[in-house]
Amino acid sequence: MQKSDLNKKREFIVQLANDRIAKGQPPMPVEDLATKLNQAGHKTGDGLPFVGDRGTHRLLEATVRWLRSENRHAEAENIWKAFEHPRKSSKKI
């Protein structure tokens, strides 16, 4: 996977999160995020469709870390608010 492909996925997630927050929508299940990613033509690093499991969660976490490293903290927080996260963990990504 090329860096630009990863950045396209990240920016897609950022835009989706920002839109959901602006519209006051509840957190989206990761299975629905996976569907949206697939509909937009995005694939996992292995070239497979997203299914809303570990890979989708890892992409969310990586996107939050990337946004924080870019000092885009408000957008990172929007991702936390816009998507559901595993109930097993109480830690904030």
N, C-alpha and C. Protein backbone atom coordinates (compact mmCIF):
# COMPACT_ATOMS: atom_id res chain seq x y z
N MET A 1 0.85 -1.18 0.00
CA MET A 1 0.00 0.00 0.00
C MET A 1 0.89 1.23 0.00
N GLN A 2 0.58 2.14 -0.86
CA GLN A 2 1.34 3.38 -0.94
C GLN A 2 0.86 4.34 0.13
N LYS A 3 1.75 5.23 0.55
CA LYS A 3 1.44 6.21 1.57
C LYS A 3 0.23 7.04 1.17
N SER A 4 0.13 7.42 -0.09
CA SER A 4 -0.99 8.24 -0.53
C SER A 4 -2.31 7.49 -0.38
N ASP A 5 -2.32 6.14 -0.57
CA ASP A 5 -3.53 5.36 -0.37
C ASP A 5 -3.97 5.41 1.09
N LEU A 6 -3.02 5.29 2.00
CA LEU A 6 -3.33 5.36 3.42
C LEU A 6 -3.85 6.75 3.78
N ASN A 7 -3.21 7.78 3.26
CA ASN A 7 -3.67 9.14 3.54
C ASN A 7 -5.06 9.39 2.98
N LYS A 8 -5.37 8.81 1.84
CA LYS A 8 -6.73 8.95 1.29
C LYS A 8 -7.76 8.32 2.21
N LYS A 9 -7.44 7.15 2.76
CA LYS A 9 -8.35 6.50 3.72
C LYS A 9 -8.50 7.36 4.97
N ARG A 10 -7.38 7.86 5.46
CA ARG A 10 -7.41 8.70 6.66
C ARG A 10 -8.28 9.93 6.43
N GLU A 11 -8.05 10.62 5.33
CA GLU A 11 -8.82 11.84 5.06
C GLU A 11 -10.30 11.53 4.83
N PHE A 12 -10.61 10.38 4.25
CA PHE A 12 -11.99 9.96 4.09
C PHE A 12 -12.65 9.81 5.47
N ILE A 13 -11.94 9.18 6.39
CA ILE A 13 -12.46 9.00 7.75
C ILE A 13 -12.63 10.34 8.45
N VAL A 14 -11.65 11.22 8.29
CA VAL A 14 -11.73 12.56 8.90
C VAL A 14 -12.96 13.30 8.39
N GLN A 15 -13.18 13.28 7.09
CA GLN A 15 -14.32 13.99 6.51
C GLN A 15 -15.64 13.39 7.00
N LEU A 16 -15.71 12.08 7.03
CA LEU A 16 -16.92 11.41 7.49
C LEU A 16 -17.19 11.76 8.96
N ALA A 17 -16.14 11.72 9.78
CA ALA A 17 -16.30 12.07 11.20
C ALA A 17 -16.74 13.52 11.37
N ASN A 18 -16.09 14.43 10.66
CA ASN A 18 -16.45 15.84 10.77
C ASN A 18 -17.89 16.08 10.35
N ASP A 19 -18.33 15.42 9.28
CA ASP A 19 -19.71 15.56 8.81
C ASP A 19 -20.70 15.03 9.85
N ARG A 20 -20.39 13.88 10.44
CA ARG A 20 -21.28 13.28 11.45
C ARG A 20 -21.40 14.20 12.67
N ILE A 21 -20.29 14.75 13.11
CA ILE A 21 -20.31 15.65 14.27
C ILE A 21 -21.09 16.91 13.94
N ALA A 22 -20.87 17.49 12.77
CA ALA A 22 -21.57 18.71 12.37
C ALA A 22 -23.08 18.50 12.30
N LYS A 23 -23.49 17.29 11.93
CA LYS A 23 -24.93 16.98 11.82
C LYS A 23 -25.51 16.44 13.12
N GLY A 24 -24.68 16.28 14.15
CA GLY A 24 -25.16 15.80 15.43
C GLY A 24 -25.60 14.34 15.41
N GLN A 25 -24.99 13.55 14.54
CA GLN A 25 -25.37 12.15 14.41
C GLN A 25 -24.70 11.31 15.49
N PRO A 26 -25.35 10.20 15.89
CA PRO A 26 -24.75 9.33 16.91
C PRO A 26 -23.53 8.59 16.36
N PRO A 27 -22.74 8.01 17.25
CA PRO A 27 -21.57 7.26 16.77
C PRO A 27 -21.95 6.15 15.79
N MET A 28 -21.15 6.03 14.75
CA MET A 28 -21.38 5.03 13.71
C MET A 28 -20.70 3.73 14.10
N PRO A 29 -21.40 2.60 13.98
CA PRO A 29 -20.74 1.31 14.20
C PRO A 29 -19.61 1.11 13.18
N VAL A 30 -18.55 0.43 13.61
CA VAL A 30 -17.43 0.24 12.70
C VAL A 30 -17.80 -0.62 11.49
N GLU A 31 -18.81 -1.46 11.64
CA GLU A 31 -19.27 -2.24 10.49
C GLU A 31 -19.81 -1.32 9.40
N ASP A 32 -20.50 -0.25 9.82
CA ASP A 32 -21.01 0.73 8.85
C ASP A 32 -19.86 1.53 8.24
N LEU A 33 -18.86 1.85 9.06
CA LEU A 33 -17.67 2.53 8.52
C LEU A 33 -17.01 1.65 7.47
N ALA A 34 -16.90 0.35 7.75
CA ALA A 34 -16.29 -0.57 6.79
C ALA A 34 -17.06 -0.55 5.48
N THR A 35 -18.38 -0.54 5.56
CA THR A 35 -19.21 -0.49 4.35
C THR A 35 -18.94 0.79 3.57
N LYS A 36 -18.87 1.91 4.28
CA LYS A 36 -18.60 3.20 3.61
C LYS A 36 -17.22 3.20 2.95
N LEU A 37 -16.22 2.66 3.66
CA LEU A 37 -14.87 2.57 3.07
C LEU A 37 -14.89 1.73 1.80
N ASN A 38 -15.58 0.60 1.84
CA ASN A 38 -15.67 -0.28 0.67
C ASN A 38 -16.40 0.40 -0.48
N GLN A 39 -17.50 1.08 -0.17
CA GLN A 39 -18.27 1.78 -1.20
C GLN A 39 -17.45 2.87 -1.88
N ALA A 40 -16.52 3.45 -1.12
CA ALA A 40 -15.66 4.50 -1.68
C ALA A 40 -14.45 3.92 -2.42
N GLY A 41 -14.36 2.58 -2.45
CA GLY A 41 -13.28 1.94 -3.20
C GLY A 41 -12.01 1.70 -2.41
N HIS A 42 -12.05 1.92 -1.10
CA HIS A 42 -10.87 1.69 -0.28
C HIS A 42 -10.75 0.21 0.08
N LYS A 43 -9.52 -0.24 0.23
CA LYS A 43 -9.22 -1.63 0.58
C LYS A 43 -8.27 -1.65 1.77
N THR A 44 -8.18 -2.80 2.42
CA THR A 44 -7.21 -2.97 3.51
C THR A 44 -5.80 -2.96 2.91
N GLY A 45 -4.81 -2.97 3.77
CA GLY A 45 -3.43 -3.04 3.32
C GLY A 45 -3.13 -4.29 2.51
N ASP A 46 -3.92 -5.34 2.73
CA ASP A 46 -3.77 -6.59 1.98
C ASP A 46 -4.60 -6.62 0.70
N GLY A 47 -5.28 -5.51 0.41
CA GLY A 47 -6.08 -5.43 -0.81
C GLY A 47 -7.45 -6.06 -0.69
N LEU A 48 -7.91 -6.30 0.53
CA LEU A 48 -9.21 -6.92 0.76
C LEU A 48 -10.24 -5.88 1.20
N PRO A 49 -11.51 -6.20 1.09
CA PRO A 49 -12.54 -5.27 1.59
C PRO A 49 -12.48 -5.20 3.12
N PHE A 50 -12.89 -4.08 3.67
CA PHE A 50 -13.02 -3.93 5.12
C PHE A 50 -14.26 -4.68 5.58
N VAL A 51 -14.20 -5.25 6.80
CA VAL A 51 -15.36 -5.97 7.34
C VAL A 51 -15.83 -5.41 8.67
N GLY A 52 -15.17 -4.40 9.19
CA GLY A 52 -15.60 -3.79 10.45
C GLY A 52 -15.06 -4.51 11.66
N ASP A 53 -13.92 -5.12 11.51
CA ASP A 53 -13.31 -5.86 12.59
C ASP A 53 -12.01 -5.17 13.01
N ARG A 54 -11.05 -5.95 13.40
CA ARG A 54 -9.78 -5.43 13.92
C ARG A 54 -9.12 -4.44 12.97
N GLY A 55 -9.11 -4.72 11.68
CA GLY A 55 -8.45 -3.82 10.73
C GLY A 55 -9.08 -2.45 10.68
N THR A 56 -10.39 -2.40 10.79
CA THR A 56 -11.09 -1.12 10.78
C THR A 56 -10.77 -0.33 12.04
N HIS A 57 -10.75 -1.01 13.19
CA HIS A 57 -10.38 -0.35 14.44
C HIS A 57 -8.94 0.14 14.39
N ARG A 58 -8.07 -0.67 13.84
CA ARG A 58 -6.66 -0.26 13.75
C ARG A 58 -6.51 0.96 12.85
N LEU A 59 -7.28 1.02 11.77
CA LEU A 59 -7.23 2.19 10.89
C LEU A 59 -7.72 3.44 11.63
N LEU A 60 -8.78 3.30 12.43
CA LEU A 60 -9.24 4.45 13.23
C LEU A 60 -8.15 4.91 14.20
N GLU A 61 -7.56 3.96 14.91
CA GLU A 61 -6.50 4.31 15.86
C GLU A 61 -5.31 4.96 15.18
N ALA A 62 -4.92 4.42 14.04
CA ALA A 62 -3.79 4.99 13.29
C ALA A 62 -4.12 6.39 12.79
N THR A 63 -5.36 6.59 12.41
CA THR A 63 -5.78 7.91 11.92
C THR A 63 -5.74 8.93 13.05
N VAL A 64 -6.19 8.54 14.23
CA VAL A 64 -6.14 9.44 15.39
C VAL A 64 -4.69 9.79 15.72
N ARG A 65 -3.81 8.79 15.75
CA ARG A 65 -2.38 9.06 16.03
C ARG A 65 -1.79 10.00 14.98
N TRP A 66 -2.12 9.76 13.72
CA TRP A 66 -1.60 10.60 12.64
C TRP A 66 -2.09 12.04 12.79
N LEU A 67 -3.38 12.20 13.09
CA LEU A 67 -3.92 13.56 13.26
C LEU A 67 -3.25 14.27 14.42
N ARG A 68 -3.03 13.57 15.50
CA ARG A 68 -2.35 14.18 16.65
C ARG A 68 -0.93 14.58 16.29
N SER A 69 -0.25 13.76 15.51
CA SER A 69 1.13 14.10 15.10
C SER A 69 1.16 15.30 14.17
N GLU A 70 0.03 15.56 13.50
CA GLU A 70 -0.10 16.71 12.61
C GLU A 70 -0.72 17.92 13.33
N ASN A 71 -0.88 17.81 14.64
CA ASN A 71 -1.51 18.85 15.46
C ASN A 71 -2.94 19.17 15.03
N ARG A 72 -3.65 18.15 14.61
CA ARG A 72 -5.05 18.28 14.21
C ARG A 72 -5.91 17.62 15.30
N HIS A 73 -5.77 18.15 16.50
CA HIS A 73 -6.37 17.53 17.69
C HIS A 73 -7.90 17.55 17.67
N ALA A 74 -8.50 18.61 17.17
CA ALA A 74 -9.97 18.67 17.13
C ALA A 74 -10.52 17.58 16.21
N GLU A 75 -9.86 17.34 15.10
CA GLU A 75 -10.32 16.30 14.18
C GLU A 75 -10.11 14.90 14.79
N ALA A 76 -9.02 14.74 15.53
CA ALA A 76 -8.79 13.47 16.22
C ALA A 76 -9.91 13.21 17.22
N GLU A 77 -10.30 14.23 17.93
CA GLU A 77 -11.40 14.10 18.90
C GLU A 77 -12.72 13.79 18.19
N ASN A 78 -12.93 14.38 17.02
CA ASN A 78 -14.15 14.08 16.25
C ASN A 78 -14.23 12.60 15.89
N ILE A 79 -13.10 12.01 15.56
CA ILE A 79 -13.10 10.58 15.22
C ILE A 79 -13.49 9.77 16.44
N TRP A 80 -12.97 10.16 17.61
CA TRP A 80 -13.33 9.46 18.83
C TRP A 80 -14.84 9.53 19.06
N LYS A 81 -15.45 10.68 18.79
CA LYS A 81 -16.88 10.88 19.03
C LYS A 81 -17.75 10.28 17.93
N ALA A 82 -17.25 10.21 16.71
CA ALA A 82 -18.09 9.86 15.56
C ALA A 82 -18.24 8.36 15.32
N PHE A 83 -17.37 7.55 15.91
CA PHE A 83 -17.40 6.11 15.65
C PHE A 83 -17.44 5.32 16.95
N GLU A 84 -18.14 4.18 16.92
CA GLU A 84 -18.16 3.29 18.07
C GLU A 84 -16.81 2.60 18.18
N HIS A 85 -16.48 2.26 19.40
CA HIS A 85 -15.19 1.60 19.67
C HIS A 85 -15.44 0.33 20.45
N PRO A 86 -14.49 -0.59 20.45
CA PRO A 86 -14.70 -1.87 21.14
C PRO A 86 -15.08 -1.66 22.61
N ARG A 87 -16.05 -2.39 23.05
CA ARG A 87 -16.50 -2.27 24.43
C ARG A 87 -15.54 -2.95 25.41
N LYS A 88 -14.67 -3.80 24.90
CA LYS A 88 -13.71 -4.50 25.76
C LYS A 88 -12.74 -3.52 26.41
N SER A 89 -12.46 -2.46 25.71
CA SER A 89 -11.46 -1.52 26.17
C SER A 89 -12.12 -0.20 26.57
N SER A 90 -11.72 0.32 27.69
CA SER A 90 -12.24 1.62 28.10
C SER A 90 -11.25 2.74 27.75
N LYS A 91 -10.12 2.36 27.17
CA LYS A 91 -9.12 3.38 26.85
C LYS A 91 -9.56 4.19 25.65
N LYS A 92 -9.20 5.42 25.66
CA LYS A 92 -9.52 6.34 24.58
C LYS A 92 -8.41 6.26 23.55
N ILE A 93 -8.77 6.07 22.28
CA ILE A 93 -7.73 5.99 21.25
C ILE A 93 -7.17 7.36 20.96
